[in-house]
Amino acid sequence: MNQKVLKTLEYNKIITQLTGYAASTPGKLLCQNLLPMSDYHEIVQAQTETSDALTRVRMKGSLSLSGVRDVRDS
């Protein structure tokens, strides 16, 4: 992705805000390494997953992620 475009969009500020919402260290690392997608089919799939998750939250309430632990070494 073009760095000038990312700077114009203040992408780093968005990533910093997103990282603040992550509940675990691995989640924070995933947030920090995100880059915009460019493949149409991947974008549509991601938007569908987001829509499904939002529908779940609206119907059942938010998910509690307290107590999430890093299990990567396991």
N, C-alpha and C. Protein backbone atom coordinates (compact mmCIF):
# COMPACT_ATOMS: atom_id res chain seq x y z
N MET A 1 0.86 -1.18 0.00
CA MET A 1 0.00 0.00 0.00
C MET A 1 0.89 1.23 0.00
N ASN A 2 0.49 2.20 -0.73
CA ASN A 2 1.21 3.45 -0.87
C ASN A 2 1.28 4.18 0.48
N GLN A 3 2.48 4.44 0.96
CA GLN A 3 2.67 5.08 2.26
C GLN A 3 2.10 6.50 2.30
N LYS A 4 2.15 7.20 1.18
CA LYS A 4 1.60 8.56 1.13
C LYS A 4 0.09 8.52 1.35
N VAL A 5 -0.58 7.54 0.75
CA VAL A 5 -2.02 7.39 0.93
C VAL A 5 -2.34 7.08 2.40
N LEU A 6 -1.57 6.16 2.99
CA LEU A 6 -1.80 5.81 4.40
C LEU A 6 -1.60 7.03 5.31
N LYS A 7 -0.61 7.84 5.01
CA LYS A 7 -0.37 9.05 5.81
C LYS A 7 -1.52 10.03 5.64
N THR A 8 -1.99 10.22 4.40
CA THR A 8 -3.11 11.12 4.13
C THR A 8 -4.36 10.69 4.89
N LEU A 9 -4.59 9.40 4.93
CA LEU A 9 -5.76 8.86 5.62
C LEU A 9 -5.58 8.78 7.14
N GLU A 10 -4.39 9.16 7.62
CA GLU A 10 -4.04 9.07 9.05
C GLU A 10 -4.26 7.65 9.56
N TYR A 11 -3.81 6.70 8.75
CA TYR A 11 -3.99 5.28 9.05
C TYR A 11 -3.37 4.90 10.40
N ASN A 12 -2.20 5.46 10.71
CA ASN A 12 -1.55 5.13 11.98
C ASN A 12 -2.40 5.53 13.18
N LYS A 13 -3.11 6.63 13.07
CA LYS A 13 -3.99 7.06 14.17
C LYS A 13 -5.14 6.07 14.35
N ILE A 14 -5.68 5.58 13.24
CA ILE A 14 -6.77 4.61 13.30
C ILE A 14 -6.29 3.32 13.94
N ILE A 15 -5.11 2.86 13.52
CA ILE A 15 -4.55 1.62 14.08
C ILE A 15 -4.26 1.78 15.57
N THR A 16 -3.78 2.93 15.97
CA THR A 16 -3.52 3.17 17.40
C THR A 16 -4.81 3.10 18.20
N GLN A 17 -5.89 3.70 17.68
CA GLN A 17 -7.18 3.63 18.37
C GLN A 17 -7.69 2.19 18.43
N LEU A 18 -7.60 1.47 17.33
CA LEU A 18 -8.05 0.09 17.29
C LEU A 18 -7.27 -0.77 18.28
N THR A 19 -5.96 -0.59 18.33
CA THR A 19 -5.11 -1.36 19.24
C THR A 19 -5.52 -1.14 20.68
N GLY A 20 -5.99 0.05 21.01
CA GLY A 20 -6.44 0.34 22.37
C GLY A 20 -7.64 -0.49 22.78
N TYR A 21 -8.41 -1.00 21.83
CA TYR A 21 -9.58 -1.82 22.14
C TYR A 21 -9.24 -3.30 22.25
N ALA A 22 -8.07 -3.71 21.84
CA ALA A 22 -7.69 -5.12 21.88
C ALA A 22 -7.55 -5.58 23.33
N ALA A 23 -8.06 -6.79 23.61
CA ALA A 23 -8.09 -7.29 24.98
C ALA A 23 -6.86 -8.10 25.36
N SER A 24 -6.01 -8.42 24.40
CA SER A 24 -4.85 -9.27 24.71
C SER A 24 -3.64 -8.80 23.92
N THR A 25 -2.48 -9.24 24.33
CA THR A 25 -1.25 -8.90 23.63
C THR A 25 -1.25 -9.42 22.20
N PRO A 26 -1.65 -10.69 21.96
CA PRO A 26 -1.71 -11.14 20.57
C PRO A 26 -2.69 -10.32 19.72
N GLY A 27 -3.80 -9.92 20.32
CA GLY A 27 -4.76 -9.08 19.61
C GLY A 27 -4.18 -7.73 19.25
N LYS A 28 -3.44 -7.15 20.18
CA LYS A 28 -2.79 -5.87 19.92
C LYS A 28 -1.78 -6.00 18.78
N LEU A 29 -1.03 -7.10 18.75
CA LEU A 29 -0.06 -7.31 17.67
C LEU A 29 -0.76 -7.45 16.32
N LEU A 30 -1.87 -8.17 16.30
CA LEU A 30 -2.64 -8.30 15.05
C LEU A 30 -3.11 -6.94 14.57
N CYS A 31 -3.60 -6.12 15.48
CA CYS A 31 -4.07 -4.78 15.12
C CYS A 31 -2.93 -3.94 14.54
N GLN A 32 -1.79 -3.99 15.18
CA GLN A 32 -0.65 -3.17 14.75
C GLN A 32 -0.13 -3.57 13.38
N ASN A 33 -0.36 -4.81 12.98
CA ASN A 33 0.15 -5.30 11.69
C ASN A 33 -0.88 -5.29 10.57
N LEU A 34 -2.05 -4.72 10.83
CA LEU A 34 -3.09 -4.66 9.81
C LEU A 34 -2.72 -3.71 8.67
N LEU A 35 -3.08 -4.12 7.48
CA LEU A 35 -2.95 -3.26 6.30
C LEU A 35 -4.27 -3.32 5.54
N PRO A 36 -4.61 -2.27 4.82
CA PRO A 36 -5.85 -2.29 4.04
C PRO A 36 -5.83 -3.43 3.02
N MET A 37 -7.00 -4.01 2.80
CA MET A 37 -7.14 -5.07 1.81
C MET A 37 -7.30 -4.46 0.42
N SER A 38 -6.91 -5.24 -0.60
CA SER A 38 -7.11 -4.78 -1.96
C SER A 38 -7.84 -5.81 -2.82
N ASP A 39 -7.97 -7.03 -2.34
CA ASP A 39 -8.65 -8.08 -3.09
C ASP A 39 -10.16 -7.99 -2.84
N TYR A 40 -10.93 -7.82 -3.90
CA TYR A 40 -12.37 -7.61 -3.80
C TYR A 40 -13.06 -8.74 -3.02
N HIS A 41 -12.73 -9.98 -3.32
CA HIS A 41 -13.41 -11.11 -2.68
C HIS A 41 -13.09 -11.19 -1.18
N GLU A 42 -11.84 -10.87 -0.82
CA GLU A 42 -11.48 -10.84 0.60
C GLU A 42 -12.24 -9.73 1.33
N ILE A 43 -12.40 -8.60 0.68
CA ILE A 43 -13.12 -7.47 1.28
C ILE A 43 -14.58 -7.83 1.51
N VAL A 44 -15.21 -8.44 0.51
CA VAL A 44 -16.61 -8.84 0.64
C VAL A 44 -16.76 -9.86 1.77
N GLN A 45 -15.85 -10.82 1.87
CA GLN A 45 -15.89 -11.83 2.92
C GLN A 45 -15.75 -11.17 4.30
N ALA A 46 -14.80 -10.26 4.42
CA ALA A 46 -14.59 -9.57 5.70
C ALA A 46 -15.80 -8.74 6.10
N GLN A 47 -16.42 -8.07 5.13
CA GLN A 47 -17.62 -7.28 5.43
C GLN A 47 -18.78 -8.18 5.85
N THR A 48 -18.89 -9.34 5.25
CA THR A 48 -19.93 -10.30 5.63
C THR A 48 -19.71 -10.78 7.06
N GLU A 49 -18.47 -11.10 7.40
CA GLU A 49 -18.14 -11.55 8.76
C GLU A 49 -18.44 -10.44 9.77
N THR A 50 -18.11 -9.21 9.43
CA THR A 50 -18.38 -8.08 10.32
C THR A 50 -19.88 -7.90 10.52
N SER A 51 -20.63 -7.98 9.45
CA SER A 51 -22.08 -7.86 9.52
C SER A 51 -22.69 -8.97 10.39
N ASP A 52 -22.21 -10.20 10.21
CA ASP A 52 -22.69 -11.33 11.01
C ASP A 52 -22.38 -11.13 12.50
N ALA A 53 -21.18 -10.65 12.78
CA ALA A 53 -20.80 -10.41 14.17
C ALA A 53 -21.66 -9.31 14.79
N LEU A 54 -21.91 -8.25 14.05
CA LEU A 54 -22.75 -7.17 14.55
C LEU A 54 -24.17 -7.65 14.82
N THR A 55 -24.69 -8.48 13.93
CA THR A 55 -26.03 -9.05 14.13
C THR A 55 -26.06 -9.88 15.40
N ARG A 56 -25.02 -10.65 15.64
CA ARG A 56 -24.94 -11.48 16.85
C ARG A 56 -24.93 -10.61 18.10
N VAL A 57 -24.15 -9.53 18.07
CA VAL A 57 -24.07 -8.63 19.22
C VAL A 57 -25.42 -7.97 19.46
N ARG A 58 -26.09 -7.56 18.42
CA ARG A 58 -27.41 -6.92 18.58
C ARG A 58 -28.43 -7.89 19.17
N MET A 59 -28.37 -9.14 18.77
CA MET A 59 -29.37 -10.11 19.22
C MET A 59 -29.06 -10.71 20.59
N LYS A 60 -27.78 -10.91 20.89
CA LYS A 60 -27.40 -11.63 22.11
C LYS A 60 -26.62 -10.78 23.11
N GLY A 61 -26.22 -9.59 22.75
CA GLY A 61 -25.41 -8.76 23.64
C GLY A 61 -23.93 -8.93 23.33
N SER A 62 -23.14 -8.05 23.89
CA SER A 62 -21.71 -8.07 23.58
C SER A 62 -21.02 -9.29 24.19
N LEU A 63 -19.88 -9.63 23.60
CA LEU A 63 -19.09 -10.75 24.08
C LEU A 63 -18.15 -10.28 25.17
N SER A 64 -18.01 -11.06 26.21
CA SER A 64 -17.06 -10.74 27.25
C SER A 64 -15.73 -11.42 26.93
N LEU A 65 -14.69 -10.63 26.80
CA LEU A 65 -13.37 -11.19 26.54
C LEU A 65 -12.45 -11.02 27.74
N SER A 66 -13.03 -10.68 28.89
CA SER A 66 -12.20 -10.56 30.08
C SER A 66 -11.67 -11.93 30.44
N GLY A 67 -10.48 -11.98 30.87
CA GLY A 67 -9.86 -13.25 31.23
C GLY A 67 -9.21 -13.96 30.05
N VAL A 68 -9.19 -13.32 28.88
CA VAL A 68 -8.52 -13.91 27.73
C VAL A 68 -7.03 -13.96 28.02
N ARG A 69 -6.43 -15.12 27.79
CA ARG A 69 -5.00 -15.28 28.07
C ARG A 69 -4.26 -15.68 26.80
N ASP A 70 -2.99 -15.35 26.76
CA ASP A 70 -2.13 -15.70 25.63
C ASP A 70 -1.79 -17.19 25.73
N VAL A 71 -2.27 -17.97 24.77
CA VAL A 71 -2.03 -19.42 24.79
C VAL A 71 -1.11 -19.85 23.64
N ARG A 72 -0.43 -18.90 23.04
CA ARG A 72 0.43 -19.23 21.89
C ARG A 72 1.52 -20.24 22.26
N ASP A 73 2.07 -20.17 23.45
CA ASP A 73 3.13 -21.11 23.84
C ASP A 73 2.60 -22.52 24.07
N SER A 74 1.30 -22.63 24.30
CA SER A 74 0.71 -23.95 24.52
C SER A 74 0.64 -24.66 23.21
